[in-house]
């Protein structure tokens, strides 16, 4: 066995850190962009925004749920579709 394979076999497995992805629309001003990935929760600078527009938090999902969330956003009447539209409406009305 090569030295590289021996070394790889000795390395302890790394705990996976939770990864979240934002599936909603881009937020004006660049504060939050669609498909931004976060590791171990959302950053503090988003706290006020998440309070003002709670629908945003609903579209920050574990990366494992990305595909299902994207499909649900496109399907009229699903909670994810409603959250997406609430976010759009919030910013159309001048929300910051």
N, C-alpha and C. Protein backbone atom coordinates (compact mmCIF):
# COMPACT_ATOMS: atom_id res chain seq x y z
N UNK A 1 0.86 -1.18 0.00
CA UNK A 1 0.00 0.00 0.00
C UNK A 1 0.90 1.24 0.00
N UNK A 2 0.54 2.23 -0.78
CA UNK A 2 1.35 3.45 -0.85
C UNK A 2 1.22 4.26 0.43
N UNK A 3 2.20 5.17 0.63
CA UNK A 3 2.18 6.03 1.83
C UNK A 3 0.93 6.91 1.85
N UNK A 4 0.49 7.36 0.69
CA UNK A 4 -0.69 8.23 0.63
C UNK A 4 -1.93 7.47 1.11
N UNK A 5 -2.12 6.26 0.63
CA UNK A 5 -3.28 5.47 1.05
C UNK A 5 -3.24 5.18 2.55
N UNK A 6 -2.05 4.89 3.08
CA UNK A 6 -1.92 4.63 4.51
C UNK A 6 -2.30 5.87 5.30
N UNK A 7 -1.86 7.04 4.85
CA UNK A 7 -2.16 8.29 5.54
C UNK A 7 -3.65 8.58 5.49
N UNK A 8 -4.27 8.39 4.34
CA UNK A 8 -5.71 8.64 4.19
C UNK A 8 -6.49 7.73 5.13
N UNK A 9 -6.09 6.48 5.25
CA UNK A 9 -6.79 5.55 6.12
C UNK A 9 -6.66 5.92 7.59
N UNK A 10 -5.61 6.65 7.97
CA UNK A 10 -5.39 7.02 9.36
C UNK A 10 -6.11 8.31 9.75
N UNK A 11 -6.53 9.09 8.77
CA UNK A 11 -7.19 10.36 9.06
C UNK A 11 -8.56 10.09 9.65
N UNK A 12 -8.84 10.75 10.78
CA UNK A 12 -10.15 10.59 11.42
C UNK A 12 -11.23 11.24 10.58
N UNK A 13 -12.42 10.65 10.54
CA UNK A 13 -13.50 11.28 9.77
C UNK A 13 -13.86 12.64 10.36
N UNK A 14 -14.15 13.57 9.49
CA UNK A 14 -14.49 14.92 9.91
C UNK A 14 -16.00 15.02 10.06
N UNK A 15 -16.45 15.61 11.17
CA UNK A 15 -17.88 15.83 11.33
C UNK A 15 -18.34 16.82 10.28
N UNK A 16 -19.43 16.49 9.62
CA UNK A 16 -19.99 17.39 8.62
C UNK A 16 -20.64 18.58 9.31
N UNK A 17 -20.28 19.76 8.88
CA UNK A 17 -20.91 20.95 9.40
C UNK A 17 -22.18 21.19 8.60
N UNK A 18 -23.25 21.62 9.29
CA UNK A 18 -24.51 21.85 8.60
C UNK A 18 -24.36 22.97 7.58
N UNK A 19 -24.78 22.68 6.37
CA UNK A 19 -24.77 23.68 5.30
C UNK A 19 -26.20 24.04 4.96
N UNK A 20 -26.45 25.35 4.89
CA UNK A 20 -27.76 25.87 4.54
C UNK A 20 -27.64 26.63 3.23
N UNK A 21 -28.72 26.63 2.46
CA UNK A 21 -28.72 27.37 1.20
C UNK A 21 -29.99 28.23 1.13
N UNK A 22 -29.82 29.46 0.66
CA UNK A 22 -30.95 30.37 0.50
C UNK A 22 -31.53 30.18 -0.89
N UNK A 23 -32.81 29.84 -0.96
CA UNK A 23 -33.48 29.54 -2.23
C UNK A 23 -34.43 30.66 -2.69
N UNK A 24 -34.50 31.75 -1.96
CA UNK A 24 -35.40 32.83 -2.32
C UNK A 24 -34.80 33.77 -3.35
N UNK A 25 -35.54 34.83 -3.68
CA UNK A 25 -35.06 35.79 -4.68
C UNK A 25 -33.90 36.64 -4.13
N UNK A 26 -33.14 37.23 -5.05
CA UNK A 26 -32.09 38.15 -4.63
C UNK A 26 -32.70 39.31 -3.86
N UNK A 27 -32.03 39.71 -2.80
CA UNK A 27 -32.50 40.82 -1.98
C UNK A 27 -31.81 42.10 -2.46
N UNK A 28 -32.57 43.17 -2.69
CA UNK A 28 -31.97 44.42 -3.16
C UNK A 28 -30.82 44.88 -2.25
N UNK A 29 -29.81 45.44 -2.87
CA UNK A 29 -28.66 45.92 -2.12
C UNK A 29 -27.58 44.87 -1.92
N UNK A 30 -27.85 43.66 -2.40
CA UNK A 30 -26.84 42.61 -2.33
C UNK A 30 -26.65 41.96 -0.97
N UNK A 31 -27.54 42.24 -0.03
CA UNK A 31 -27.38 41.68 1.32
C UNK A 31 -27.57 40.17 1.33
N UNK A 32 -28.38 39.67 0.39
CA UNK A 32 -28.64 38.23 0.32
C UNK A 32 -28.91 37.84 -1.12
N UNK A 33 -28.12 36.91 -1.62
CA UNK A 33 -28.25 36.47 -3.00
C UNK A 33 -28.77 35.03 -3.05
N UNK A 34 -29.59 34.77 -4.04
CA UNK A 34 -30.12 33.42 -4.26
C UNK A 34 -28.95 32.44 -4.36
N UNK A 35 -29.13 31.28 -3.73
CA UNK A 35 -28.17 30.18 -3.72
C UNK A 35 -26.92 30.44 -2.89
N UNK A 36 -26.98 31.41 -1.98
CA UNK A 36 -25.87 31.61 -1.05
C UNK A 36 -25.88 30.45 -0.07
N UNK A 37 -24.71 29.89 0.19
CA UNK A 37 -24.58 28.77 1.12
C UNK A 37 -23.94 29.27 2.41
N UNK A 38 -24.49 28.85 3.53
CA UNK A 38 -23.96 29.19 4.85
C UNK A 38 -23.61 27.91 5.58
N UNK A 39 -22.55 27.96 6.37
CA UNK A 39 -22.14 26.82 7.17
C UNK A 39 -22.42 27.13 8.63
N UNK A 40 -23.11 26.22 9.30
CA UNK A 40 -23.46 26.36 10.72
C UNK A 40 -24.32 27.57 11.02
N UNK A 41 -25.41 27.71 10.32
CA UNK A 41 -26.37 28.77 10.61
C UNK A 41 -26.20 30.00 9.75
N UNK A 42 -27.12 30.92 9.94
CA UNK A 42 -27.07 32.16 9.17
C UNK A 42 -26.23 33.20 9.91
N UNK A 43 -25.59 34.10 9.18
CA UNK A 43 -24.77 35.12 9.82
C UNK A 43 -25.61 36.15 10.57
N UNK A 44 -25.01 36.75 11.57
CA UNK A 44 -25.70 37.73 12.41
C UNK A 44 -26.21 38.94 11.62
N UNK A 45 -25.51 39.32 10.58
CA UNK A 45 -25.92 40.52 9.84
C UNK A 45 -27.28 40.34 9.17
N UNK A 46 -27.79 39.12 9.11
CA UNK A 46 -29.11 38.89 8.54
C UNK A 46 -30.22 38.93 9.58
N UNK A 47 -29.88 39.01 10.85
CA UNK A 47 -30.87 38.92 11.94
C UNK A 47 -32.03 39.88 11.77
N UNK A 48 -31.75 41.16 11.56
CA UNK A 48 -32.82 42.16 11.42
C UNK A 48 -33.71 41.86 10.21
N UNK A 49 -33.09 41.47 9.12
CA UNK A 49 -33.84 41.16 7.91
C UNK A 49 -34.77 39.96 8.13
N UNK A 50 -34.29 38.96 8.84
CA UNK A 50 -35.09 37.76 9.10
C UNK A 50 -36.27 38.07 10.02
N UNK A 51 -36.11 39.07 10.88
CA UNK A 51 -37.20 39.49 11.77
C UNK A 51 -38.24 40.28 10.95
N UNK A 52 -37.76 41.17 10.10
CA UNK A 52 -38.66 42.01 9.31
C UNK A 52 -39.42 41.22 8.24
N UNK A 53 -38.79 40.21 7.69
CA UNK A 53 -39.41 39.40 6.64
C UNK A 53 -39.15 37.92 6.94
N UNK A 54 -39.94 37.34 7.84
CA UNK A 54 -39.72 35.95 8.27
C UNK A 54 -39.78 34.92 7.15
N UNK A 55 -40.41 35.25 6.04
CA UNK A 55 -40.48 34.31 4.92
C UNK A 55 -39.09 33.96 4.40
N UNK A 56 -38.15 34.87 4.57
CA UNK A 56 -36.77 34.62 4.11
C UNK A 56 -36.19 33.41 4.84
N UNK A 57 -36.39 33.38 6.13
CA UNK A 57 -35.85 32.27 6.93
C UNK A 57 -36.43 30.93 6.47
N UNK A 58 -37.66 30.95 6.03
CA UNK A 58 -38.30 29.72 5.57
C UNK A 58 -37.68 29.17 4.29
N UNK A 59 -36.96 30.01 3.57
CA UNK A 59 -36.31 29.56 2.34
C UNK A 59 -34.81 29.42 2.49
N UNK A 60 -34.33 29.41 3.73
CA UNK A 60 -32.95 29.05 4.02
C UNK A 60 -33.02 27.63 4.58
N UNK A 61 -32.67 26.68 3.75
CA UNK A 61 -32.91 25.27 4.06
C UNK A 61 -31.61 24.48 4.08
N UNK A 62 -31.61 23.32 4.76
CA UNK A 62 -30.43 22.44 4.67
C UNK A 62 -30.18 22.08 3.20
N UNK A 63 -28.93 22.02 2.86
CA UNK A 63 -28.56 21.80 1.46
C UNK A 63 -29.16 20.51 0.91
N UNK A 64 -29.42 19.55 1.79
CA UNK A 64 -30.03 18.29 1.36
C UNK A 64 -31.47 18.51 0.85
N UNK A 65 -32.10 19.60 1.26
CA UNK A 65 -33.48 19.89 0.85
C UNK A 65 -33.55 20.85 -0.35
N UNK A 66 -32.40 21.19 -0.90
CA UNK A 66 -32.33 22.18 -1.98
C UNK A 66 -33.23 21.81 -3.16
N UNK A 67 -33.08 20.62 -3.67
CA UNK A 67 -33.82 20.21 -4.86
C UNK A 67 -35.33 20.22 -4.63
N UNK A 68 -35.76 19.67 -3.49
CA UNK A 68 -37.19 19.64 -3.19
C UNK A 68 -37.74 21.06 -3.01
N UNK A 69 -36.95 21.92 -2.37
CA UNK A 69 -37.39 23.31 -2.15
C UNK A 69 -37.53 24.04 -3.47
N UNK A 70 -36.57 23.86 -4.35
CA UNK A 70 -36.62 24.50 -5.67
C UNK A 70 -37.86 24.05 -6.44
N UNK A 71 -38.16 22.78 -6.39
CA UNK A 71 -39.36 22.28 -7.08
C UNK A 71 -40.63 22.85 -6.46
N UNK A 72 -40.65 22.92 -5.14
CA UNK A 72 -41.84 23.43 -4.45
C UNK A 72 -42.05 24.92 -4.71
N UNK A 73 -40.98 25.67 -4.85
CA UNK A 73 -41.09 27.11 -5.15
C UNK A 73 -41.81 27.30 -6.48
N UNK A 74 -41.55 26.44 -7.43
CA UNK A 74 -42.14 26.55 -8.77
C UNK A 74 -43.59 26.08 -8.83
N UNK A 75 -44.02 25.37 -7.80
CA UNK A 75 -45.37 24.81 -7.79
C UNK A 75 -46.32 25.74 -7.04
N UNK A 76 -47.26 26.31 -7.76
CA UNK A 76 -48.21 27.26 -7.18
C UNK A 76 -48.98 26.62 -6.03
N UNK A 77 -49.12 27.39 -4.94
CA UNK A 77 -49.90 26.95 -3.79
C UNK A 77 -49.12 26.27 -2.69
N UNK A 78 -47.86 25.92 -2.94
CA UNK A 78 -47.06 25.30 -1.89
C UNK A 78 -46.59 26.38 -0.91
N UNK A 79 -46.28 26.00 0.33
CA UNK A 79 -45.76 27.00 1.28
C UNK A 79 -44.51 27.69 0.74
N UNK A 80 -43.63 26.95 0.09
CA UNK A 80 -42.39 27.55 -0.43
C UNK A 80 -42.69 28.59 -1.50
N UNK A 81 -43.68 28.32 -2.35
CA UNK A 81 -44.08 29.27 -3.37
C UNK A 81 -44.66 30.53 -2.72
N UNK A 82 -45.45 30.34 -1.68
CA UNK A 82 -46.03 31.49 -0.97
C UNK A 82 -44.95 32.31 -0.28
N UNK A 83 -43.96 31.65 0.34
CA UNK A 83 -42.87 32.38 0.99
C UNK A 83 -42.09 33.19 -0.04
N UNK A 84 -41.81 32.59 -1.18
CA UNK A 84 -41.07 33.27 -2.25
C UNK A 84 -41.82 34.54 -2.67
N UNK A 85 -43.11 34.39 -2.87
CA UNK A 85 -43.92 35.55 -3.29
C UNK A 85 -44.05 36.59 -2.19
N UNK A 86 -44.09 36.16 -0.93
CA UNK A 86 -44.12 37.12 0.19
C UNK A 86 -42.84 37.95 0.21
N UNK A 87 -41.72 37.32 -0.07
CA UNK A 87 -40.44 38.05 -0.09
C UNK A 87 -40.46 39.07 -1.21
N UNK A 88 -40.90 38.66 -2.40
CA UNK A 88 -40.98 39.60 -3.52
C UNK A 88 -41.88 40.78 -3.18
N UNK A 89 -43.03 40.48 -2.59
CA UNK A 89 -43.99 41.52 -2.24
C UNK A 89 -43.44 42.47 -1.19
N UNK A 90 -42.75 41.92 -0.21
CA UNK A 90 -42.15 42.73 0.86
C UNK A 90 -41.21 43.80 0.27
N UNK A 91 -40.39 43.39 -0.68
CA UNK A 91 -39.44 44.35 -1.26
C UNK A 91 -40.06 45.25 -2.30
N UNK A 92 -41.15 44.81 -2.95
CA UNK A 92 -41.87 45.70 -3.87
C UNK A 92 -42.49 46.86 -3.09
N UNK A 93 -42.90 46.58 -1.85
CA UNK A 93 -43.49 47.61 -1.01
C UNK A 93 -42.46 48.46 -0.32
N UNK A 94 -41.19 48.28 -0.64
CA UNK A 94 -40.13 49.12 -0.08
C UNK A 94 -39.49 48.59 1.18
N UNK A 95 -39.70 47.34 1.52
CA UNK A 95 -39.10 46.76 2.71
C UNK A 95 -37.59 46.78 2.64
N UNK A 96 -37.00 46.99 3.77
CA UNK A 96 -35.54 47.01 3.84
C UNK A 96 -35.06 46.20 5.01
